[in-house]
Amino acid sequence: MTEEQARDWAVQRFGEDAAAKIDWFLNLVIVENDQQNLIAPSTIATIWARHALDSLQLIPLADRADGQWIDIGTGGGFPGMVVALAWPGQVALVEPRKRRAEFLRDCAETLGVADRVTVHASKIESVQAKADIISARAVATVENLLRAAAHCGKQETRWLLPRGRLDERELKTLSRQWRFVFHVEHSITSTDSSIVILDRVGAR
């Protein structure tokens, strides 16, 4: 998918205003990338398709118009900040690296979403909040993620977990300690990637 096609996808689903704010944010990321490594330099030329669209595709899968979204390991802002620019609910960004957390706070102020975006400069274990949606883009194994973040979930929380290739063995191991309903969506940005969706998660 080209950069133009990726941006058009966003405009069709979320409107030109959201796409323009995401343009602004992506430019902030590119500038800041000279100071700290937010994204791989090799992906700058395809930042819309590789990072923005990869983030935005989670919103339809959330299947909610509002609520509390927690993004774990937000890093340079993906997917959490991009979600906040296109989705009207509350978004918490969990990023333990302080320089990245400061960058995310500055972006939220600059982009006019600080009233809806909370940045936690900590690990998810220290966050005391309940979420309707939890996302984590290739952060740890699913088992470790659930163990670390289960206290932020509710019975009705939906977990959106973009991964590389799906490891069926990992899910089988997971089911020994956790109850959940899951299905898998293929990523629209990479044929080698999938998005694991978990519902009704609970410890056995």
N, C-alpha and C. Protein backbone atom coordinates (compact mmCIF):
# COMPACT_ATOMS: atom_id res chain seq x y z
N MET A 1 0.85 -1.20 0.00
CA MET A 1 0.00 0.00 0.00
C MET A 1 0.89 1.25 0.00
N THR A 2 0.58 2.20 -0.87
CA THR A 2 1.37 3.43 -0.94
C THR A 2 0.99 4.37 0.21
N GLU A 3 1.82 5.40 0.41
CA GLU A 3 1.51 6.39 1.43
C GLU A 3 0.19 7.10 1.12
N GLU A 4 -0.04 7.42 -0.14
CA GLU A 4 -1.29 8.09 -0.52
C GLU A 4 -2.49 7.20 -0.25
N GLN A 5 -2.37 5.92 -0.58
CA GLN A 5 -3.48 4.99 -0.33
C GLN A 5 -3.74 4.83 1.17
N ALA A 6 -2.68 4.79 1.95
CA ALA A 6 -2.83 4.66 3.41
C ALA A 6 -3.56 5.87 3.99
N ARG A 7 -3.17 7.05 3.54
CA ARG A 7 -3.83 8.26 4.04
C ARG A 7 -5.28 8.33 3.57
N ASP A 8 -5.53 7.94 2.33
CA ASP A 8 -6.91 7.92 1.80
C ASP A 8 -7.79 6.99 2.62
N TRP A 9 -7.24 5.85 3.03
CA TRP A 9 -7.98 4.90 3.88
C TRP A 9 -8.43 5.60 5.15
N ALA A 10 -7.52 6.37 5.74
CA ALA A 10 -7.83 7.09 6.97
C ALA A 10 -8.88 8.16 6.74
N VAL A 11 -8.77 8.92 5.66
CA VAL A 11 -9.73 9.98 5.36
C VAL A 11 -11.13 9.40 5.17
N GLN A 12 -11.22 8.30 4.46
CA GLN A 12 -12.53 7.69 4.20
C GLN A 12 -13.22 7.23 5.47
N ARG A 13 -12.45 6.81 6.45
CA ARG A 13 -13.04 6.26 7.67
C ARG A 13 -13.14 7.25 8.84
N PHE A 14 -12.20 8.19 8.89
CA PHE A 14 -12.15 9.08 10.05
C PHE A 14 -12.21 10.55 9.70
N GLY A 15 -12.17 10.89 8.41
CA GLY A 15 -12.30 12.28 7.99
C GLY A 15 -10.97 12.98 7.78
N GLU A 16 -11.03 14.07 7.03
CA GLU A 16 -9.83 14.82 6.69
C GLU A 16 -9.21 15.49 7.92
N ASP A 17 -10.04 15.96 8.86
CA ASP A 17 -9.49 16.61 10.04
C ASP A 17 -8.60 15.67 10.84
N ALA A 18 -9.06 14.43 11.02
CA ALA A 18 -8.25 13.44 11.75
C ALA A 18 -6.97 13.13 10.98
N ALA A 19 -7.08 12.99 9.67
CA ALA A 19 -5.89 12.68 8.85
C ALA A 19 -4.88 13.82 8.92
N ALA A 20 -5.38 15.06 8.94
CA ALA A 20 -4.48 16.21 9.02
C ALA A 20 -3.75 16.25 10.36
N LYS A 21 -4.46 15.91 11.45
CA LYS A 21 -3.80 15.86 12.76
C LYS A 21 -2.75 14.75 12.80
N ILE A 22 -3.07 13.64 12.15
CA ILE A 22 -2.09 12.54 12.11
C ILE A 22 -0.88 12.96 11.28
N ASP A 23 -1.10 13.68 10.18
CA ASP A 23 0.03 14.24 9.40
C ASP A 23 0.94 15.06 10.32
N TRP A 24 0.32 15.91 11.11
CA TRP A 24 1.04 16.80 12.03
C TRP A 24 1.85 15.97 13.02
N PHE A 25 1.19 14.97 13.60
CA PHE A 25 1.88 14.11 14.55
C PHE A 25 3.05 13.37 13.91
N LEU A 26 2.85 12.83 12.72
CA LEU A 26 3.93 12.10 12.05
C LEU A 26 5.12 12.99 11.79
N ASN A 27 4.86 14.24 11.46
CA ASN A 27 5.96 15.19 11.27
C ASN A 27 6.71 15.43 12.58
N LEU A 28 5.98 15.51 13.69
CA LEU A 28 6.62 15.65 15.00
C LEU A 28 7.51 14.44 15.31
N VAL A 29 7.03 13.26 14.96
CA VAL A 29 7.81 12.04 15.18
C VAL A 29 9.09 12.07 14.36
N ILE A 30 8.98 12.47 13.10
CA ILE A 30 10.16 12.50 12.22
C ILE A 30 11.22 13.46 12.76
N VAL A 31 10.77 14.63 13.21
CA VAL A 31 11.70 15.62 13.77
C VAL A 31 12.35 15.08 15.05
N GLU A 32 11.54 14.52 15.94
CA GLU A 32 12.05 14.01 17.21
C GLU A 32 12.95 12.80 17.02
N ASN A 33 12.78 12.10 15.92
CA ASN A 33 13.56 10.89 15.67
C ASN A 33 15.06 11.19 15.58
N ASP A 34 15.41 12.44 15.29
CA ASP A 34 16.82 12.83 15.28
C ASP A 34 17.39 12.92 16.69
N GLN A 35 16.50 13.06 17.69
CA GLN A 35 16.93 13.20 19.08
C GLN A 35 16.86 11.88 19.84
N GLN A 36 15.85 11.08 19.53
CA GLN A 36 15.71 9.77 20.16
C GLN A 36 15.07 8.82 19.14
N ASN A 37 15.45 7.58 19.22
CA ASN A 37 15.04 6.62 18.20
C ASN A 37 13.60 6.14 18.44
N LEU A 38 12.63 6.87 17.89
CA LEU A 38 11.22 6.53 18.07
C LEU A 38 10.78 5.44 17.10
N ILE A 39 11.24 5.54 15.86
CA ILE A 39 10.94 4.55 14.84
C ILE A 39 12.21 4.26 14.05
N ALA A 40 12.26 3.13 13.41
CA ALA A 40 13.43 2.80 12.59
C ALA A 40 13.53 3.81 11.45
N PRO A 41 14.70 4.41 11.25
CA PRO A 41 14.85 5.39 10.17
C PRO A 41 14.42 4.84 8.81
N SER A 42 14.58 3.55 8.61
CA SER A 42 14.21 2.95 7.32
C SER A 42 12.71 2.98 7.06
N THR A 43 11.91 3.26 8.11
CA THR A 43 10.45 3.27 7.94
C THR A 43 9.89 4.68 7.78
N ILE A 44 10.74 5.69 7.82
CA ILE A 44 10.24 7.07 7.71
C ILE A 44 9.55 7.31 6.37
N ALA A 45 10.11 6.77 5.31
CA ALA A 45 9.53 6.99 3.98
C ALA A 45 8.15 6.36 3.83
N THR A 46 7.84 5.40 4.68
CA THR A 46 6.54 4.72 4.62
C THR A 46 5.81 4.86 5.95
N ILE A 47 5.97 6.01 6.60
CA ILE A 47 5.45 6.18 7.95
C ILE A 47 3.93 6.09 8.02
N TRP A 48 3.24 6.53 6.97
CA TRP A 48 1.77 6.43 6.98
C TRP A 48 1.34 4.96 6.95
N ALA A 49 1.87 4.20 6.03
CA ALA A 49 1.46 2.80 5.91
C ALA A 49 2.01 1.94 7.04
N ARG A 50 3.27 2.15 7.37
CA ARG A 50 3.95 1.28 8.33
C ARG A 50 3.53 1.55 9.78
N HIS A 51 3.25 2.80 10.09
CA HIS A 51 2.96 3.14 11.49
C HIS A 51 1.55 3.70 11.71
N ALA A 52 1.13 4.69 10.90
CA ALA A 52 -0.19 5.30 11.13
C ALA A 52 -1.32 4.35 10.80
N LEU A 53 -1.31 3.80 9.60
CA LEU A 53 -2.39 2.88 9.21
C LEU A 53 -2.36 1.62 10.06
N ASP A 54 -1.16 1.16 10.37
CA ASP A 54 -1.03 -0.03 11.22
C ASP A 54 -1.70 0.20 12.58
N SER A 55 -1.70 1.45 13.04
CA SER A 55 -2.37 1.82 14.29
C SER A 55 -3.88 1.99 14.09
N LEU A 56 -4.25 2.70 13.05
CA LEU A 56 -5.67 3.03 12.82
C LEU A 56 -6.54 1.80 12.58
N GLN A 57 -5.97 0.75 12.03
CA GLN A 57 -6.77 -0.44 11.73
C GLN A 57 -7.33 -1.10 13.00
N LEU A 58 -6.79 -0.73 14.17
CA LEU A 58 -7.31 -1.29 15.41
C LEU A 58 -8.65 -0.69 15.81
N ILE A 59 -8.91 0.54 15.39
CA ILE A 59 -10.13 1.23 15.85
C ILE A 59 -11.41 0.49 15.44
N PRO A 60 -11.58 0.09 14.17
CA PRO A 60 -12.79 -0.66 13.85
C PRO A 60 -12.90 -1.98 14.63
N LEU A 61 -11.77 -2.58 14.97
CA LEU A 61 -11.78 -3.84 15.70
C LEU A 61 -12.17 -3.64 17.16
N ALA A 62 -11.99 -2.42 17.68
CA ALA A 62 -12.39 -2.13 19.06
C ALA A 62 -13.90 -2.19 19.21
N ASP A 63 -14.61 -1.82 18.14
CA ASP A 63 -16.07 -1.91 18.11
C ASP A 63 -16.72 -1.09 19.23
N ARG A 64 -16.12 0.08 19.51
CA ARG A 64 -16.67 1.00 20.50
C ARG A 64 -16.48 2.42 20.01
N ALA A 65 -17.46 3.28 20.29
CA ALA A 65 -17.36 4.68 19.89
C ALA A 65 -16.70 5.55 20.95
N ASP A 66 -16.59 5.03 22.18
CA ASP A 66 -15.96 5.79 23.25
C ASP A 66 -15.54 4.83 24.35
N GLY A 67 -15.19 5.38 25.51
CA GLY A 67 -14.74 4.55 26.61
C GLY A 67 -13.30 4.85 26.97
N GLN A 68 -12.66 3.94 27.68
CA GLN A 68 -11.26 4.08 28.10
C GLN A 68 -10.40 3.07 27.35
N TRP A 69 -9.42 3.59 26.64
CA TRP A 69 -8.47 2.76 25.89
C TRP A 69 -7.12 2.89 26.58
N ILE A 70 -6.47 1.76 26.87
CA ILE A 70 -5.11 1.77 27.40
C ILE A 70 -4.19 1.13 26.37
N ASP A 71 -3.14 1.86 26.00
CA ASP A 71 -2.14 1.34 25.06
C ASP A 71 -0.85 1.10 25.82
N ILE A 72 -0.38 -0.13 25.82
CA ILE A 72 0.79 -0.53 26.59
C ILE A 72 2.03 -0.52 25.71
N GLY A 73 3.08 0.15 26.19
CA GLY A 73 4.32 0.22 25.42
C GLY A 73 4.18 1.10 24.19
N THR A 74 3.64 2.29 24.38
CA THR A 74 3.30 3.17 23.25
C THR A 74 4.52 3.59 22.44
N GLY A 75 5.67 3.68 23.08
CA GLY A 75 6.88 4.04 22.36
C GLY A 75 6.80 5.43 21.75
N GLY A 76 6.95 5.50 20.44
CA GLY A 76 6.89 6.78 19.74
C GLY A 76 5.48 7.26 19.45
N GLY A 77 4.46 6.54 19.95
CA GLY A 77 3.08 6.98 19.78
C GLY A 77 2.19 6.03 19.02
N PHE A 78 2.68 4.82 18.79
CA PHE A 78 1.95 3.86 17.96
C PHE A 78 1.65 2.59 18.76
N PRO A 79 0.38 2.21 18.81
CA PRO A 79 -0.75 2.85 18.14
C PRO A 79 -1.46 3.95 18.94
N GLY A 80 -1.12 4.11 20.23
CA GLY A 80 -1.95 4.91 21.12
C GLY A 80 -2.22 6.34 20.72
N MET A 81 -1.19 7.11 20.35
CA MET A 81 -1.42 8.51 20.00
C MET A 81 -2.22 8.64 18.72
N VAL A 82 -1.93 7.78 17.76
CA VAL A 82 -2.70 7.82 16.50
C VAL A 82 -4.15 7.49 16.76
N VAL A 83 -4.40 6.51 17.61
CA VAL A 83 -5.78 6.18 17.99
C VAL A 83 -6.46 7.41 18.59
N ALA A 84 -5.78 8.11 19.48
CA ALA A 84 -6.36 9.28 20.15
C ALA A 84 -6.72 10.38 19.16
N LEU A 85 -6.03 10.46 18.04
CA LEU A 85 -6.30 11.50 17.05
C LEU A 85 -7.48 11.17 16.14
N ALA A 86 -7.95 9.92 16.18
CA ALA A 86 -9.04 9.52 15.30
C ALA A 86 -10.25 8.95 16.04
N TRP A 87 -10.09 8.67 17.33
CA TRP A 87 -11.13 8.03 18.14
C TRP A 87 -11.47 8.94 19.31
N PRO A 88 -12.74 9.19 19.61
CA PRO A 88 -13.10 10.26 20.54
C PRO A 88 -13.04 9.93 22.03
N GLY A 89 -12.71 8.71 22.40
CA GLY A 89 -12.71 8.35 23.81
C GLY A 89 -11.45 8.77 24.55
N GLN A 90 -11.34 8.32 25.79
CA GLN A 90 -10.17 8.58 26.62
C GLN A 90 -9.08 7.56 26.28
N VAL A 91 -7.84 8.02 26.18
CA VAL A 91 -6.74 7.13 25.82
C VAL A 91 -5.60 7.32 26.82
N ALA A 92 -5.16 6.22 27.41
CA ALA A 92 -4.01 6.24 28.31
C ALA A 92 -2.83 5.59 27.59
N LEU A 93 -1.71 6.31 27.56
CA LEU A 93 -0.49 5.83 26.91
C LEU A 93 0.48 5.40 28.00
N VAL A 94 0.91 4.16 27.98
CA VAL A 94 1.81 3.64 28.99
C VAL A 94 3.19 3.45 28.36
N GLU A 95 4.13 4.27 28.77
CA GLU A 95 5.47 4.26 28.18
C GLU A 95 6.51 4.52 29.27
N PRO A 96 7.23 3.48 29.72
CA PRO A 96 8.14 3.65 30.85
C PRO A 96 9.38 4.49 30.58
N ARG A 97 9.77 4.65 29.31
CA ARG A 97 10.95 5.47 29.02
C ARG A 97 10.58 6.94 29.10
N LYS A 98 11.21 7.65 30.04
CA LYS A 98 10.77 9.00 30.41
C LYS A 98 10.87 9.99 29.25
N ARG A 99 11.92 9.92 28.45
CA ARG A 99 12.04 10.86 27.33
C ARG A 99 10.91 10.65 26.32
N ARG A 100 10.56 9.41 26.08
CA ARG A 100 9.44 9.15 25.16
C ARG A 100 8.12 9.62 25.78
N ALA A 101 7.95 9.38 27.07
CA ALA A 101 6.73 9.84 27.73
C ALA A 101 6.61 11.35 27.67
N GLU A 102 7.72 12.06 27.87
CA GLU A 102 7.70 13.52 27.76
C GLU A 102 7.33 13.97 26.35
N PHE A 103 7.88 13.29 25.37
CA PHE A 103 7.53 13.61 23.97
C PHE A 103 6.04 13.41 23.73
N LEU A 104 5.48 12.33 24.24
CA LEU A 104 4.06 12.05 24.05
C LEU A 104 3.19 13.10 24.73
N ARG A 105 3.58 13.53 25.92
CA ARG A 105 2.82 14.59 26.61
C ARG A 105 2.86 15.89 25.80
N ASP A 106 4.04 16.23 25.29
CA ASP A 106 4.16 17.44 24.49
C ASP A 106 3.29 17.35 23.24
N CYS A 107 3.26 16.18 22.61
CA CYS A 107 2.42 16.00 21.41
C CYS A 107 0.95 16.15 21.74
N ALA A 108 0.51 15.59 22.85
CA ALA A 108 -0.89 15.69 23.24
C ALA A 108 -1.29 17.14 23.43
N GLU A 109 -0.42 17.94 24.05
CA GLU A 109 -0.68 19.37 24.21
C GLU A 109 -0.71 20.08 22.86
N THR A 110 0.29 19.83 22.06
CA THR A 110 0.40 20.49 20.75
C THR A 110 -0.78 20.18 19.85
N LEU A 111 -1.23 18.94 19.89
CA LEU A 111 -2.30 18.48 18.99
C LEU A 111 -3.69 18.70 19.56
N GLY A 112 -3.78 19.26 20.76
CA GLY A 112 -5.08 19.60 21.33
C GLY A 112 -5.89 18.44 21.86
N VAL A 113 -5.21 17.36 22.29
CA VAL A 113 -5.94 16.20 22.82
C VAL A 113 -5.54 15.89 24.26
N ALA A 114 -4.87 16.82 24.92
CA ALA A 114 -4.40 16.58 26.29
C ALA A 114 -5.55 16.34 27.27
N ASP A 115 -6.75 16.81 26.93
CA ASP A 115 -7.91 16.59 27.81
C ASP A 115 -8.40 15.14 27.73
N ARG A 116 -7.98 14.42 26.71
CA ARG A 116 -8.41 13.03 26.54
C ARG A 116 -7.27 12.03 26.62
N VAL A 117 -6.04 12.51 26.66
CA VAL A 117 -4.87 11.63 26.65
C VAL A 117 -4.10 11.76 27.96
N THR A 118 -3.88 10.62 28.62
CA THR A 118 -3.07 10.56 29.83
C THR A 118 -1.83 9.73 29.53
N VAL A 119 -0.67 10.27 29.88
CA VAL A 119 0.59 9.55 29.65
C VAL A 119 1.12 9.05 30.99
N HIS A 120 1.35 7.75 31.08
CA HIS A 120 1.92 7.15 32.28
C HIS A 120 3.37 6.80 31.99
N ALA A 121 4.30 7.48 32.65
CA ALA A 121 5.73 7.18 32.47
C ALA A 121 6.11 6.06 33.44
N SER A 122 5.55 4.90 33.20
CA SER A 122 5.75 3.77 34.10
C SER A 122 5.44 2.48 33.35
N LYS A 123 5.69 1.38 34.02
CA LYS A 123 5.26 0.10 33.48
C LYS A 123 3.78 -0.10 33.77
N ILE A 124 3.15 -0.98 33.02
CA ILE A 124 1.71 -1.19 33.15
C ILE A 124 1.36 -1.71 34.56
N GLU A 125 2.28 -2.41 35.21
CA GLU A 125 2.00 -2.93 36.55
C GLU A 125 1.67 -1.83 37.54
N SER A 126 2.16 -0.61 37.29
CA SER A 126 1.94 0.51 38.21
C SER A 126 0.70 1.33 37.87
N VAL A 127 0.06 1.03 36.77
CA VAL A 127 -1.11 1.81 36.33
C VAL A 127 -2.36 1.27 37.00
N GLN A 128 -3.08 2.15 37.68
CA GLN A 128 -4.32 1.77 38.36
C GLN A 128 -5.49 2.38 37.60
N ALA A 129 -5.96 1.67 36.59
CA ALA A 129 -7.09 2.13 35.78
C ALA A 129 -7.75 0.92 35.15
N LYS A 130 -9.03 1.05 34.88
CA LYS A 130 -9.76 -0.01 34.20
C LYS A 130 -10.04 0.41 32.76
N ALA A 131 -9.87 -0.51 31.84
CA ALA A 131 -9.98 -0.19 30.42
C ALA A 131 -11.11 -0.96 29.75
N ASP A 132 -11.70 -0.31 28.76
CA ASP A 132 -12.64 -1.00 27.88
C ASP A 132 -11.90 -1.68 26.74
N ILE A 133 -10.78 -1.08 26.34
CA ILE A 133 -9.93 -1.63 25.28
C ILE A 133 -8.49 -1.55 25.76
N ILE A 134 -7.75 -2.63 25.57
CA ILE A 134 -6.32 -2.63 25.85
C ILE A 134 -5.59 -3.05 24.58
N SER A 135 -4.62 -2.25 24.18
CA SER A 135 -3.81 -2.61 23.01
C SER A 135 -2.34 -2.68 23.40
N ALA A 136 -1.59 -3.47 22.68
CA ALA A 136 -0.14 -3.57 22.87
C ALA A 136 0.43 -4.08 21.56
N ARG A 137 1.27 -3.27 20.97
CA ARG A 137 1.82 -3.58 19.64
C ARG A 137 3.13 -4.34 19.80
N ALA A 138 3.04 -5.67 19.68
CA ALA A 138 4.23 -6.53 19.74
C ALA A 138 5.05 -6.30 21.00
N VAL A 139 4.35 -6.21 22.14
CA VAL A 139 5.02 -6.03 23.43
C VAL A 139 4.97 -7.36 24.18
N ALA A 140 6.10 -7.96 24.43
CA ALA A 140 6.20 -9.19 25.20
C ALA A 140 5.36 -10.32 24.59
N THR A 141 5.29 -11.43 25.29
CA THR A 141 4.41 -12.51 24.87
C THR A 141 3.00 -12.20 25.36
N VAL A 142 2.02 -12.84 24.78
CA VAL A 142 0.65 -12.61 25.23
C VAL A 142 0.50 -13.02 26.69
N GLU A 143 1.14 -14.13 27.07
CA GLU A 143 1.05 -14.60 28.46
C GLU A 143 1.62 -13.57 29.43
N ASN A 144 2.80 -13.05 29.15
CA ASN A 144 3.41 -12.05 30.03
C ASN A 144 2.58 -10.76 30.06
N LEU A 145 2.01 -10.41 28.92
CA LEU A 145 1.19 -9.21 28.84
C LEU A 145 -0.05 -9.34 29.72
N LEU A 146 -0.72 -10.47 29.63
CA LEU A 146 -1.91 -10.67 30.46
C LEU A 146 -1.55 -10.67 31.93
N ARG A 147 -0.46 -11.30 32.26
CA ARG A 147 -0.04 -11.34 33.67
C ARG A 147 0.23 -9.93 34.20
N ALA A 148 0.85 -9.10 33.36
CA ALA A 148 1.22 -7.75 33.80
C ALA A 148 0.04 -6.80 33.84
N ALA A 149 -0.92 -6.99 32.93
CA ALA A 149 -1.97 -5.98 32.75
C ALA A 149 -3.37 -6.46 33.12
N ALA A 150 -3.50 -7.67 33.63
CA ALA A 150 -4.83 -8.20 33.93
C ALA A 150 -5.62 -7.32 34.89
N HIS A 151 -4.92 -6.63 35.80
CA HIS A 151 -5.61 -5.79 36.78
C HIS A 151 -6.28 -4.58 36.12
N CYS A 152 -5.91 -4.26 34.88
CA CYS A 152 -6.53 -3.15 34.15
C CYS A 152 -7.74 -3.61 33.33
N GLY A 153 -7.95 -4.91 33.26
CA GLY A 153 -9.04 -5.43 32.45
C GLY A 153 -10.31 -5.67 33.26
N LYS A 154 -11.41 -5.76 32.54
CA LYS A 154 -12.71 -6.12 33.10
C LYS A 154 -13.23 -7.30 32.29
N GLN A 155 -14.34 -7.87 32.70
CA GLN A 155 -14.91 -9.00 31.98
C GLN A 155 -15.20 -8.64 30.53
N GLU A 156 -15.62 -7.37 30.30
CA GLU A 156 -16.00 -6.96 28.95
C GLU A 156 -14.87 -6.27 28.18
N THR A 157 -13.67 -6.22 28.75
CA THR A 157 -12.55 -5.57 28.06
C THR A 157 -12.16 -6.35 26.82
N ARG A 158 -11.91 -5.62 25.75
CA ARG A 158 -11.39 -6.24 24.51
C ARG A 158 -9.90 -5.94 24.40
N TRP A 159 -9.12 -6.98 24.17
CA TRP A 159 -7.68 -6.87 24.01
C TRP A 159 -7.33 -6.96 22.53
N LEU A 160 -6.61 -5.95 22.03
CA LEU A 160 -6.20 -5.91 20.62
C LEU A 160 -4.68 -5.99 20.59
N LEU A 161 -4.18 -7.09 20.07
CA LEU A 161 -2.75 -7.38 20.17
C LEU A 161 -2.14 -7.67 18.81
N PRO A 162 -1.64 -6.63 18.13
CA PRO A 162 -0.94 -6.85 16.86
C PRO A 162 0.33 -7.67 17.10
N ARG A 163 0.50 -8.70 16.33
CA ARG A 163 1.67 -9.57 16.47
C ARG A 163 2.34 -9.74 15.11
N GLY A 164 3.46 -10.45 15.13
CA GLY A 164 4.03 -10.93 13.88
C GLY A 164 3.22 -12.15 13.47
N ARG A 165 3.87 -13.17 13.05
CA ARG A 165 3.15 -14.41 12.75
C ARG A 165 2.54 -14.99 14.03
N LEU A 166 1.32 -15.46 13.93
CA LEU A 166 0.63 -16.00 15.10
C LEU A 166 1.25 -17.34 15.49
N ASP A 167 1.60 -17.47 16.75
CA ASP A 167 2.14 -18.71 17.28
C ASP A 167 1.02 -19.48 17.96
N GLU A 168 0.50 -20.48 17.27
CA GLU A 168 -0.62 -21.27 17.81
C GLU A 168 -0.23 -21.96 19.12
N ARG A 169 1.05 -22.34 19.24
CA ARG A 169 1.49 -23.01 20.47
C ARG A 169 1.40 -22.08 21.66
N GLU A 170 1.67 -20.79 21.42
CA GLU A 170 1.59 -19.82 22.51
C GLU A 170 0.16 -19.72 23.02
N LEU A 171 -0.81 -19.72 22.11
CA LEU A 171 -2.21 -19.63 22.53
C LEU A 171 -2.66 -20.88 23.27
N LYS A 172 -2.16 -22.03 22.85
CA LYS A 172 -2.51 -23.26 23.56
C LYS A 172 -1.95 -23.25 24.98
N THR A 173 -0.71 -22.80 25.12
CA THR A 173 -0.11 -22.68 26.45
C THR A 173 -0.88 -21.67 27.29
N LEU A 174 -1.28 -20.59 26.66
CA LEU A 174 -2.01 -19.54 27.35
C LEU A 174 -3.32 -20.05 27.93
N SER A 175 -3.98 -20.93 27.20
CA SER A 175 -5.31 -21.40 27.62
C SER A 175 -5.25 -22.27 28.87
N ARG A 176 -4.06 -22.71 29.27
CA ARG A 176 -3.94 -23.50 30.49
C ARG A 176 -4.08 -22.63 31.74
N GLN A 177 -3.76 -21.35 31.61
CA GLN A 177 -3.79 -20.46 32.77
C GLN A 177 -4.87 -19.38 32.67
N TRP A 178 -5.39 -19.17 31.46
CA TRP A 178 -6.35 -18.09 31.25
C TRP A 178 -7.57 -18.59 30.49
N ARG A 179 -8.71 -18.05 30.85
CA ARG A 179 -9.93 -18.25 30.06
C ARG A 179 -10.07 -17.06 29.13
N PHE A 180 -10.45 -17.29 27.89
CA PHE A 180 -10.66 -16.19 26.95
C PHE A 180 -11.36 -16.73 25.71
N VAL A 181 -11.95 -15.81 24.99
CA VAL A 181 -12.49 -16.09 23.65
C VAL A 181 -11.61 -15.29 22.69
N PHE A 182 -11.13 -15.93 21.66
CA PHE A 182 -10.24 -15.20 20.76
C PHE A 182 -10.59 -15.43 19.30
N HIS A 183 -10.24 -14.45 18.49
CA HIS A 183 -10.19 -14.66 17.06
C HIS A 183 -9.06 -13.82 16.51
N VAL A 184 -8.72 -14.06 15.28
CA VAL A 184 -7.55 -13.43 14.67
C VAL A 184 -7.97 -12.71 13.40
N GLU A 185 -7.52 -11.47 13.26
CA GLU A 185 -7.70 -10.70 12.04
C GLU A 185 -6.34 -10.53 11.37
N HIS A 186 -6.32 -10.59 10.05
CA HIS A 186 -5.08 -10.35 9.34
C HIS A 186 -4.85 -8.84 9.24
N SER A 187 -3.62 -8.44 9.44
CA SER A 187 -3.27 -7.02 9.30
C SER A 187 -3.44 -6.58 7.86
N ILE A 188 -3.95 -5.36 7.67
CA ILE A 188 -4.10 -4.83 6.32
C ILE A 188 -2.80 -4.21 5.82
N THR A 189 -1.81 -4.11 6.71
CA THR A 189 -0.55 -3.48 6.31
C THR A 189 0.56 -4.48 6.03
N SER A 190 0.38 -5.74 6.44
CA SER A 190 1.42 -6.73 6.22
C SER A 190 0.81 -8.12 6.16
N THR A 191 1.13 -8.86 5.12
CA THR A 191 0.61 -10.22 4.99
C THR A 191 1.24 -11.16 6.02
N ASP A 192 2.33 -10.73 6.63
CA ASP A 192 3.01 -11.56 7.63
C ASP A 192 2.58 -11.25 9.06
N SER A 193 1.61 -10.37 9.21
CA SER A 193 1.20 -9.95 10.56
C SER A 193 -0.27 -10.25 10.81
N SER A 194 -0.60 -10.38 12.07
CA SER A 194 -1.98 -10.65 12.47
C SER A 194 -2.30 -9.83 13.71
N ILE A 195 -3.58 -9.74 14.01
CA ILE A 195 -4.04 -9.05 15.21
C ILE A 195 -4.87 -10.05 16.02
N VAL A 196 -4.36 -10.38 17.19
CA VAL A 196 -5.07 -11.29 18.08
C VAL A 196 -6.07 -10.48 18.90
N ILE A 197 -7.30 -10.89 18.89
CA ILE A 197 -8.38 -10.21 19.62
C ILE A 197 -8.87 -11.15 20.71
N LEU A 198 -8.77 -10.69 21.96
CA LEU A 198 -9.20 -11.48 23.10
C LEU A 198 -10.39 -10.81 23.79
N ASP A 199 -11.38 -11.60 24.10
CA ASP A 199 -12.54 -11.12 24.87
C ASP A 199 -12.76 -12.04 26.06
N ARG A 200 -13.46 -11.51 27.07
CA ARG A 200 -13.82 -12.26 28.27
C ARG A 200 -12.60 -12.96 28.89
N VAL A 201 -11.55 -12.19 29.10
CA VAL A 201 -10.31 -12.71 29.64
C VAL A 201 -10.41 -12.83 31.16
N GLY A 202 -9.95 -13.95 31.68
CA GLY A 202 -9.91 -14.13 33.13
C GLY A 202 -8.95 -15.25 33.49
N ALA A 203 -8.36 -15.16 34.67
CA ALA A 203 -7.44 -16.20 35.13
C ALA A 203 -8.21 -17.46 35.49
N ARG A 204 -7.63 -18.61 35.23
CA ARG A 204 -8.26 -19.88 35.62
C ARG A 204 -8.06 -20.13 37.11
